[in-house]
């Protein structure tokens, strides 16, 4: 599985991409927009099933199970979007799309990491699915909490998300420039 850093970075990237579609977030916690905190938390939500695994010292029994289902992601996105649209008095559709993408991206990232796989289609099947192509090195908890392996994982994930952030910034500049050029011509 990718590290919490990778999942949080994914939540940040989704926030950056959809920031203009979300309602103005006047609520900040230590200068951080609440919407960013919400999306970062939502990007980590599927891994709450790791807590019982840590406490029971049996990650395999608890982690990457039902919470890593695309089906569960739809229900979570419905709940989050219903609450967020009421709190912000904004369209449910925008919140649903953002919440769904944020939650499901976690599941997809894990799909492209672990050998064990994730239960993508639970409750319809308990089968585990894993991509033959690995995009992330992933954390290897079997190597211990303080393995040098984890530093390599964090480095590769930081590099991956830095590249995506650069692409996102360049594309936003291109779009802004194109809008400005189009506006000037009119």
Foldseek 3Di string as FASTA:
>chain_A
DADLVLLLLLLVVLCVVCVVVDPDQPDDDVNHGVSSVVLSCLSCVLQVQQVVCVVVVHSPVGHQFPSLELVVQQVVLQVQLVVRCVVRVHDSVSSSVSSSCSNNVSSVLVLQEDPQAHCHHPPVDRDGHHDPHHPAPHDDCVVPDDDVVVVVRVVSSVVVSVVVVVVVVVVVVVVVVVVVVVVVVD
